Amino acid sequence: NNNNSNNSNRNNKLSPLLLQAWEIKALQESFGVHFVHVHSHHSNEDEIVVAEMKNRIKLLDKIDNDHSSLVEKMQRLEQCVMERLVLVQENSNNQQQQQQQQQQ
């Protein structure tokens, strides 16, 4: 049943995902390039487009507020990908070392 599969995936999305070092590096490099593009887009939007719109029309505060919220979420995502993935790998390595020591 496809519906049960989707519910199962939703329930598991908070469980830790153990990644190999090459997977972490690939994700960080891919996201790093993407974040550069997104930050450039938002800077251009703020400095050029929104600034010009404010000169021409009465711009709703909601646009600035929504954009601030989006930028904050993107920064948290970037921090998670660039910093916490390493922690997952380090924790995984530490757990593996502890298990090996216990087996000896």
N, C-alpha and C. Protein backbone atom coordinates (compact mmCIF):
# COMPACT_ATOMS: atom_id res chain seq x y z
N ASN A 1 0.85 -1.18 0.00
CA ASN A 1 0.00 0.00 0.00
C ASN A 1 0.89 1.24 0.00
N ASN A 2 0.78 2.06 -0.98
CA ASN A 2 1.63 3.22 -1.14
C ASN A 2 1.45 4.24 -0.03
N ASN A 3 0.23 4.37 0.48
CA ASN A 3 -0.05 5.32 1.54
C ASN A 3 0.69 4.95 2.83
N ASN A 4 0.74 3.67 3.17
CA ASN A 4 1.47 3.22 4.35
C ASN A 4 2.96 3.50 4.20
N SER A 5 3.48 3.35 3.00
CA SER A 5 4.88 3.61 2.75
C SER A 5 5.21 5.08 2.99
N ASN A 6 4.34 5.98 2.54
CA ASN A 6 4.55 7.40 2.77
C ASN A 6 4.51 7.75 4.24
N ASN A 7 3.57 7.18 4.99
CA ASN A 7 3.49 7.43 6.43
C ASN A 7 4.73 6.91 7.13
N SER A 8 5.21 5.77 6.73
CA SER A 8 6.41 5.20 7.32
C SER A 8 7.60 6.11 7.09
N ASN A 9 7.73 6.64 5.87
CA ASN A 9 8.83 7.56 5.56
C ASN A 9 8.74 8.83 6.39
N ARG A 10 7.54 9.35 6.60
CA ARG A 10 7.36 10.55 7.40
C ARG A 10 7.79 10.31 8.83
N ASN A 11 7.46 9.16 9.37
CA ASN A 11 7.81 8.84 10.75
C ASN A 11 9.31 8.67 10.92
N ASN A 12 10.01 8.26 9.88
CA ASN A 12 11.44 8.00 9.97
C ASN A 12 12.30 9.20 9.61
N LYS A 13 11.72 10.30 9.17
CA LYS A 13 12.56 11.37 8.67
C LYS A 13 13.39 12.06 9.75
N LEU A 14 13.06 11.87 11.02
CA LEU A 14 13.86 12.46 12.08
C LEU A 14 14.94 11.51 12.59
N SER A 15 14.92 10.28 12.12
CA SER A 15 15.95 9.35 12.56
C SER A 15 17.28 9.72 11.91
N PRO A 16 18.39 9.45 12.59
CA PRO A 16 19.70 9.83 12.04
C PRO A 16 20.02 9.08 10.76
N LEU A 17 20.69 9.75 9.89
CA LEU A 17 21.11 9.17 8.63
C LEU A 17 22.63 9.07 8.68
N LEU A 18 23.15 7.86 8.69
CA LEU A 18 24.58 7.67 8.74
C LEU A 18 25.14 7.71 7.32
N LEU A 19 26.09 8.58 7.11
CA LEU A 19 26.66 8.77 5.79
C LEU A 19 28.15 8.46 5.81
N GLN A 20 28.63 8.02 4.67
CA GLN A 20 30.05 7.79 4.53
C GLN A 20 30.73 9.14 4.24
N ALA A 21 32.02 9.19 4.47
CA ALA A 21 32.77 10.45 4.31
C ALA A 21 32.61 11.03 2.91
N TRP A 22 32.66 10.18 1.87
CA TRP A 22 32.55 10.70 0.50
C TRP A 22 31.15 11.27 0.24
N GLU A 23 30.12 10.69 0.89
CA GLU A 23 28.76 11.19 0.71
C GLU A 23 28.61 12.57 1.36
N ILE A 24 29.18 12.73 2.53
CA ILE A 24 29.14 14.03 3.21
C ILE A 24 29.86 15.08 2.37
N LYS A 25 31.04 14.74 1.88
CA LYS A 25 31.80 15.69 1.07
C LYS A 25 31.02 16.08 -0.19
N ALA A 26 30.41 15.11 -0.85
CA ALA A 26 29.65 15.40 -2.08
C ALA A 26 28.45 16.30 -1.78
N LEU A 27 27.73 16.01 -0.70
CA LEU A 27 26.59 16.85 -0.33
C LEU A 27 27.03 18.27 0.02
N GLN A 28 28.10 18.38 0.77
CA GLN A 28 28.58 19.71 1.16
C GLN A 28 29.05 20.51 -0.05
N GLU A 29 29.74 19.87 -0.97
CA GLU A 29 30.19 20.58 -2.17
C GLU A 29 29.00 21.01 -3.03
N SER A 30 28.04 20.12 -3.20
CA SER A 30 26.86 20.45 -4.00
C SER A 30 26.06 21.57 -3.37
N PHE A 31 25.79 21.44 -2.07
CA PHE A 31 25.04 22.48 -1.39
C PHE A 31 25.83 23.78 -1.33
N GLY A 32 27.14 23.70 -1.18
CA GLY A 32 27.97 24.91 -1.13
C GLY A 32 27.81 25.74 -2.38
N VAL A 33 27.85 25.09 -3.54
CA VAL A 33 27.66 25.80 -4.81
C VAL A 33 26.24 26.36 -4.88
N HIS A 34 25.28 25.58 -4.46
CA HIS A 34 23.89 26.02 -4.50
C HIS A 34 23.68 27.23 -3.58
N PHE A 35 24.25 27.17 -2.37
CA PHE A 35 24.08 28.28 -1.43
C PHE A 35 24.67 29.57 -1.97
N VAL A 36 25.79 29.49 -2.67
CA VAL A 36 26.38 30.69 -3.28
C VAL A 36 25.38 31.32 -4.24
N HIS A 37 24.76 30.49 -5.07
CA HIS A 37 23.76 30.99 -6.02
C HIS A 37 22.56 31.61 -5.30
N VAL A 38 22.04 30.93 -4.30
CA VAL A 38 20.86 31.41 -3.59
C VAL A 38 21.16 32.71 -2.85
N HIS A 39 22.32 32.79 -2.20
CA HIS A 39 22.69 34.03 -1.49
C HIS A 39 22.86 35.18 -2.47
N SER A 40 23.45 34.92 -3.62
CA SER A 40 23.59 35.96 -4.64
C SER A 40 22.23 36.42 -5.12
N HIS A 41 21.35 35.47 -5.35
CA HIS A 41 19.99 35.80 -5.78
C HIS A 41 19.30 36.70 -4.75
N HIS A 42 19.37 36.33 -3.48
CA HIS A 42 18.70 37.11 -2.44
C HIS A 42 19.34 38.49 -2.28
N SER A 43 20.66 38.56 -2.38
CA SER A 43 21.33 39.87 -2.29
C SER A 43 20.89 40.78 -3.43
N ASN A 44 20.88 40.25 -4.64
CA ASN A 44 20.44 41.04 -5.79
C ASN A 44 18.99 41.48 -5.63
N GLU A 45 18.18 40.57 -5.15
CA GLU A 45 16.77 40.88 -4.95
C GLU A 45 16.60 42.02 -3.94
N ASP A 46 17.31 41.91 -2.80
CA ASP A 46 17.21 42.94 -1.76
C ASP A 46 17.78 44.28 -2.23
N GLU A 47 18.97 44.23 -2.79
CA GLU A 47 19.69 45.46 -3.12
C GLU A 47 19.19 46.14 -4.38
N ILE A 48 18.65 45.38 -5.31
CA ILE A 48 18.27 45.97 -6.61
C ILE A 48 16.75 45.96 -6.79
N VAL A 49 16.16 44.78 -6.82
CA VAL A 49 14.75 44.65 -7.17
C VAL A 49 13.84 45.27 -6.11
N VAL A 50 13.99 44.83 -4.86
CA VAL A 50 13.12 45.33 -3.80
C VAL A 50 13.36 46.82 -3.59
N ALA A 51 14.61 47.24 -3.64
CA ALA A 51 14.91 48.67 -3.49
C ALA A 51 14.22 49.50 -4.57
N GLU A 52 14.26 49.03 -5.80
CA GLU A 52 13.60 49.75 -6.90
C GLU A 52 12.08 49.72 -6.76
N MET A 53 11.56 48.58 -6.33
CA MET A 53 10.11 48.49 -6.11
C MET A 53 9.66 49.48 -5.05
N LYS A 54 10.45 49.62 -3.98
CA LYS A 54 10.09 50.57 -2.92
C LYS A 54 10.07 52.00 -3.44
N ASN A 55 10.92 52.31 -4.42
CA ASN A 55 10.92 53.65 -5.02
C ASN A 55 9.68 53.89 -5.87
N ARG A 56 9.12 52.85 -6.42
CA ARG A 56 8.01 53.00 -7.38
C ARG A 56 6.63 52.79 -6.76
N ILE A 57 6.54 51.87 -5.80
CA ILE A 57 5.23 51.54 -5.23
C ILE A 57 5.34 51.42 -3.72
N LYS A 58 4.17 51.39 -3.07
CA LYS A 58 4.15 51.12 -1.63
C LYS A 58 4.24 49.61 -1.46
N LEU A 59 5.40 49.17 -1.03
CA LEU A 59 5.66 47.74 -0.90
C LEU A 59 5.17 47.25 0.46
N LEU A 60 4.50 46.14 0.48
CA LEU A 60 3.99 45.59 1.73
C LEU A 60 5.14 45.13 2.62
N ASP A 61 5.01 45.39 3.92
CA ASP A 61 6.01 44.93 4.88
C ASP A 61 6.15 43.42 4.86
N LYS A 62 5.06 42.74 4.52
CA LYS A 62 5.06 41.27 4.48
C LYS A 62 6.16 40.74 3.55
N ILE A 63 6.44 41.44 2.48
CA ILE A 63 7.47 40.97 1.55
C ILE A 63 8.83 40.94 2.24
N ASP A 64 9.17 42.02 2.95
CA ASP A 64 10.43 42.03 3.69
C ASP A 64 10.45 40.99 4.80
N ASN A 65 9.33 40.88 5.53
CA ASN A 65 9.26 39.93 6.63
C ASN A 65 9.37 38.49 6.13
N ASP A 66 8.66 38.18 5.06
CA ASP A 66 8.73 36.83 4.50
C ASP A 66 10.15 36.51 4.03
N HIS A 67 10.78 37.50 3.42
CA HIS A 67 12.12 37.30 2.91
C HIS A 67 13.10 37.08 4.05
N SER A 68 12.95 37.83 5.14
CA SER A 68 13.82 37.66 6.31
C SER A 68 13.68 36.26 6.89
N SER A 69 12.46 35.79 6.96
CA SER A 69 12.20 34.44 7.47
C SER A 69 12.84 33.39 6.57
N LEU A 70 12.72 33.58 5.27
CA LEU A 70 13.30 32.64 4.32
C LEU A 70 14.83 32.62 4.44
N VAL A 71 15.43 33.79 4.56
CA VAL A 71 16.89 33.87 4.69
C VAL A 71 17.35 33.16 5.96
N GLU A 72 16.61 33.35 7.05
CA GLU A 72 16.96 32.68 8.31
C GLU A 72 16.90 31.16 8.16
N LYS A 73 15.87 30.67 7.49
CA LYS A 73 15.74 29.21 7.28
C LYS A 73 16.86 28.69 6.40
N MET A 74 17.22 29.45 5.37
CA MET A 74 18.32 29.04 4.49
C MET A 74 19.65 28.99 5.27
N GLN A 75 19.86 29.94 6.16
CA GLN A 75 21.09 29.94 6.96
C GLN A 75 21.14 28.74 7.88
N ARG A 76 20.00 28.37 8.47
CA ARG A 76 19.96 27.19 9.33
C ARG A 76 20.21 25.93 8.53
N LEU A 77 19.63 25.85 7.33
CA LEU A 77 19.85 24.70 6.46
C LEU A 77 21.33 24.60 6.07
N GLU A 78 21.90 25.73 5.71
CA GLU A 78 23.32 25.74 5.33
C GLU A 78 24.19 25.28 6.49
N GLN A 79 23.90 25.78 7.68
CA GLN A 79 24.67 25.37 8.86
C GLN A 79 24.53 23.86 9.09
N CYS A 80 23.34 23.36 8.93
CA CYS A 80 23.10 21.93 9.13
C CYS A 80 23.91 21.10 8.13
N VAL A 81 23.85 21.47 6.88
CA VAL A 81 24.55 20.70 5.84
C VAL A 81 26.06 20.84 5.97
N MET A 82 26.54 22.04 6.22
CA MET A 82 27.98 22.28 6.20
C MET A 82 28.66 21.88 7.51
N GLU A 83 27.92 21.86 8.62
CA GLU A 83 28.56 21.57 9.91
C GLU A 83 28.06 20.28 10.55
N ARG A 84 26.77 20.08 10.56
CA ARG A 84 26.22 18.94 11.30
C ARG A 84 26.41 17.62 10.60
N LEU A 85 26.51 17.61 9.28
CA LEU A 85 26.76 16.34 8.59
C LEU A 85 28.09 15.76 9.03
N VAL A 86 29.06 16.63 9.25
CA VAL A 86 30.36 16.17 9.73
C VAL A 86 30.20 15.55 11.11
N LEU A 87 29.39 16.18 11.95
CA LEU A 87 29.17 15.65 13.29
C LEU A 87 28.53 14.26 13.24
N VAL A 88 27.61 14.07 12.31
CA VAL A 88 26.98 12.75 12.16
C VAL A 88 28.05 11.72 11.81
N GLN A 89 28.93 12.08 10.89
CA GLN A 89 29.99 11.15 10.49
C GLN A 89 30.94 10.91 11.65
N GLU A 90 31.32 11.96 12.37
CA GLU A 90 32.23 11.80 13.50
C GLU A 90 31.59 10.93 14.58
N ASN A 91 30.31 11.18 14.87
CA ASN A 91 29.61 10.37 15.87
C ASN A 91 29.53 8.92 15.43
N SER A 92 29.28 8.71 14.15
CA SER A 92 29.21 7.36 13.61
C SER A 92 30.56 6.66 13.77
N ASN A 93 31.64 7.37 13.44
CA ASN A 93 32.98 6.80 13.59
C ASN A 93 33.27 6.47 15.05
N ASN A 94 32.90 7.37 15.96
CA ASN A 94 33.12 7.13 17.39
C ASN A 94 32.33 5.92 17.86
N GLN A 95 31.09 5.79 17.41
CA GLN A 95 30.27 4.65 17.79
C GLN A 95 30.88 3.35 17.26
N GLN A 96 31.37 3.37 16.03
CA GLN A 96 31.98 2.18 15.45
C GLN A 96 33.24 1.80 16.23
N GLN A 97 34.04 2.78 16.62
CA GLN A 97 35.25 2.51 17.38
C GLN A 97 34.90 1.92 18.74
N GLN A 98 33.87 2.47 19.39
CA GLN A 98 33.46 1.95 20.69
C GLN A 98 32.97 0.51 20.57
N GLN A 99 32.21 0.22 19.51
CA GLN A 99 31.72 -1.14 19.31
C GLN A 99 32.87 -2.11 19.07
N GLN A 100 33.87 -1.68 18.30
CA GLN A 100 35.03 -2.53 18.04
C GLN A 100 35.80 -2.79 19.32
N GLN A 101 35.94 -1.77 20.16
CA GLN A 101 36.67 -1.95 21.42
C GLN A 101 35.93 -2.89 22.36
N GLN A 102 34.61 -2.81 22.37
CA GLN A 102 33.81 -3.68 23.22
C GLN A 102 33.89 -5.13 22.76
N GLN A 103 34.06 -5.35 21.46
CA GLN A 103 34.14 -6.70 20.92
C GLN A 103 35.50 -7.33 21.22
N GLN A 104 36.50 -6.52 21.46
CA GLN A 104 37.85 -7.05 21.71
C GLN A 104 38.01 -7.44 23.13
